[in-house]
Amino acid sequence: MKQISRNPSFTPSPQLRKDLNSDSKGVTYRLNQIWDRYEYIIRTQSLELSADEIQLLKSILNGTFIDPVLIDNLYSEIIDSEEYLAGDKTAKSLADKFKSASYVQSLATIERMKNWL
């Protein structure tokens, strides 16, 4: 894993810049606050998936650009997969979980996948 050797510099989007500038406690404080909140969402809102479901989801998403539209439509991606169309029970279980998942739950699950397996 690559380590950050010094404080990173980056160019925030105009919206993020406005938000960072509006906090009287400073940029570092606000970025850490955003990260802490995001990490909490990942821990508490991600769907519980079996090892087989995780592997299948990774397979379905392999090589795919993961943007907000894809995250919002993960159920469709799963039911369009070869495994689902072949009647695979893992694919059906995974689809059932994402069918009723909110955007936040889907996003948290995708983010949490970095730590699974």
Protein backbone atom coordinates (compact mmCIF):
# COMPACT_ATOMS: atom_id res chain seq x y z
CA MET A 1 0.00 0.00 0.00
CA LYS A 2 1.31 3.41 -0.94
CA GLN A 3 1.85 5.75 2.00
CA ILE A 4 1.42 9.52 1.89
CA SER A 5 4.87 10.88 2.65
CA ARG A 6 3.78 14.47 3.18
CA ASN A 7 0.62 16.48 3.39
CA PRO A 8 -1.15 16.16 0.05
CA SER A 9 -2.15 19.12 -2.03
CA PHE A 10 -5.24 18.99 -4.20
CA THR A 11 -7.57 21.23 -6.14
CA PRO A 12 -11.08 21.10 -4.71
CA SER A 13 -14.14 21.47 -6.89
CA PRO A 14 -15.87 24.86 -6.67
CA GLN A 15 -18.56 23.38 -4.40
CA LEU A 16 -16.03 21.78 -2.05
CA ARG A 17 -13.91 24.95 -2.03
CA LYS A 18 -16.97 26.98 -0.97
CA ASP A 19 -17.72 24.49 1.80
CA LEU A 20 -14.11 24.40 3.02
CA ASN A 21 -13.90 28.19 3.03
CA SER A 22 -17.11 28.52 5.02
CA ASP A 23 -15.81 26.60 8.05
CA SER A 24 -14.17 28.86 10.62
CA LYS A 25 -12.16 25.95 12.08
CA GLY A 26 -10.13 25.49 8.90
CA VAL A 27 -9.70 23.21 5.93
CA THR A 28 -8.02 20.33 7.77
CA TYR A 29 -10.73 20.26 10.42
CA ARG A 30 -13.51 20.26 7.81
CA LEU A 31 -11.91 17.55 5.64
CA ASN A 32 -11.39 15.32 8.67
CA GLN A 33 -14.99 15.94 9.73
CA ILE A 34 -16.27 15.00 6.26
CA TRP A 35 -14.15 11.84 6.28
CA ASP A 36 -15.29 10.82 9.78
CA ARG A 37 -18.92 11.20 8.77
CA TYR A 38 -18.41 9.32 5.51
CA GLU A 39 -16.60 6.49 7.31
CA TYR A 40 -19.51 6.25 9.75
CA ILE A 41 -21.97 5.95 6.86
CA ILE A 42 -19.87 3.16 5.34
CA ARG A 43 -19.77 1.23 8.63
CA THR A 44 -23.42 1.61 9.51
CA GLN A 45 -25.25 1.65 6.17
CA SER A 46 -23.53 -0.99 4.04
CA LEU A 47 -25.42 -4.15 3.26
CA GLU A 48 -24.32 -7.40 4.87
CA LEU A 49 -23.12 -9.62 2.05
CA SER A 50 -21.85 -13.18 2.07
CA ALA A 51 -18.39 -13.96 0.70
CA ASP A 52 -20.03 -15.37 -2.46
CA GLU A 53 -22.13 -12.22 -2.91
CA ILE A 54 -19.05 -10.04 -2.50
CA GLN A 55 -17.16 -12.03 -5.12
CA LEU A 56 -20.10 -11.86 -7.51
CA LEU A 57 -20.52 -8.12 -7.04
CA LYS A 58 -16.82 -7.59 -7.62
CA SER A 59 -17.11 -9.68 -10.79
CA ILE A 60 -20.12 -7.70 -12.03
CA LEU A 61 -18.38 -4.38 -11.38
CA ASN A 62 -14.96 -5.43 -12.68
CA GLY A 63 -13.76 -2.87 -15.22
CA THR A 64 -16.85 -0.72 -14.74
CA PHE A 65 -16.65 3.00 -14.07
CA ILE A 66 -18.50 3.42 -10.79
CA ASP A 67 -20.37 6.70 -10.89
CA PRO A 68 -23.52 7.86 -9.07
CA VAL A 69 -25.81 6.58 -11.85
CA LEU A 70 -24.31 3.07 -11.63
CA ILE A 71 -24.54 3.07 -7.84
CA ASP A 72 -28.18 4.10 -8.07
CA ASN A 73 -28.85 1.26 -10.53
CA LEU A 74 -26.90 -1.65 -9.04
CA TYR A 75 -30.03 -3.79 -8.93
CA SER A 76 -30.32 -3.51 -12.73
CA GLU A 77 -26.65 -4.38 -13.17
CA ILE A 78 -27.12 -7.52 -11.09
CA ILE A 79 -30.28 -8.73 -12.84
CA ASP A 80 -28.62 -8.16 -16.21
CA SER A 81 -25.65 -10.35 -15.21
CA GLU A 82 -25.13 -13.79 -16.73
CA GLU A 83 -25.28 -15.39 -13.28
CA TYR A 84 -28.67 -13.90 -12.51
CA LEU A 85 -30.05 -14.80 -15.92
CA ALA A 86 -28.82 -18.38 -15.39
CA GLY A 87 -30.77 -18.59 -12.12
CA ASP A 88 -27.77 -18.56 -9.78
CA LYS A 89 -28.96 -18.43 -6.14
CA THR A 90 -26.14 -16.07 -5.09
CA ALA A 91 -27.09 -13.63 -7.84
CA LYS A 92 -30.76 -13.79 -6.83
CA SER A 93 -29.87 -13.18 -3.18
CA LEU A 94 -27.61 -10.26 -4.12
CA ALA A 95 -30.31 -8.76 -6.34
CA ASP A 96 -32.87 -9.05 -3.54
CA LYS A 97 -30.59 -7.09 -1.21
CA PHE A 98 -30.02 -4.29 -3.71
CA LYS A 99 -33.63 -4.16 -4.89
CA SER A 100 -34.76 -2.36 -1.76
CA ALA A 101 -31.44 -0.68 -0.92
CA SER A 102 -31.23 3.10 -0.79
CA TYR A 103 -28.56 5.02 -2.66
CA VAL A 104 -26.68 5.51 0.63
CA GLN A 105 -26.74 1.77 1.35
CA SER A 106 -25.51 0.96 -2.15
CA LEU A 107 -22.75 3.57 -1.95
CA ALA A 108 -21.67 2.38 1.50
CA THR A 109 -21.56 -1.22 0.27
CA ILE A 110 -19.40 -0.32 -2.73
CA GLU A 111 -17.04 1.67 -0.52
CA ARG A 112 -16.88 -1.10 2.08
CA MET A 113 -15.94 -3.62 -0.60
CA LYS A 114 -12.41 -2.15 -0.55
CA ASN A 115 -12.01 -3.80 2.87
CA TRP A 116 -13.68 -7.13 2.08
CA LEU A 117 -11.65 -10.13 0.96
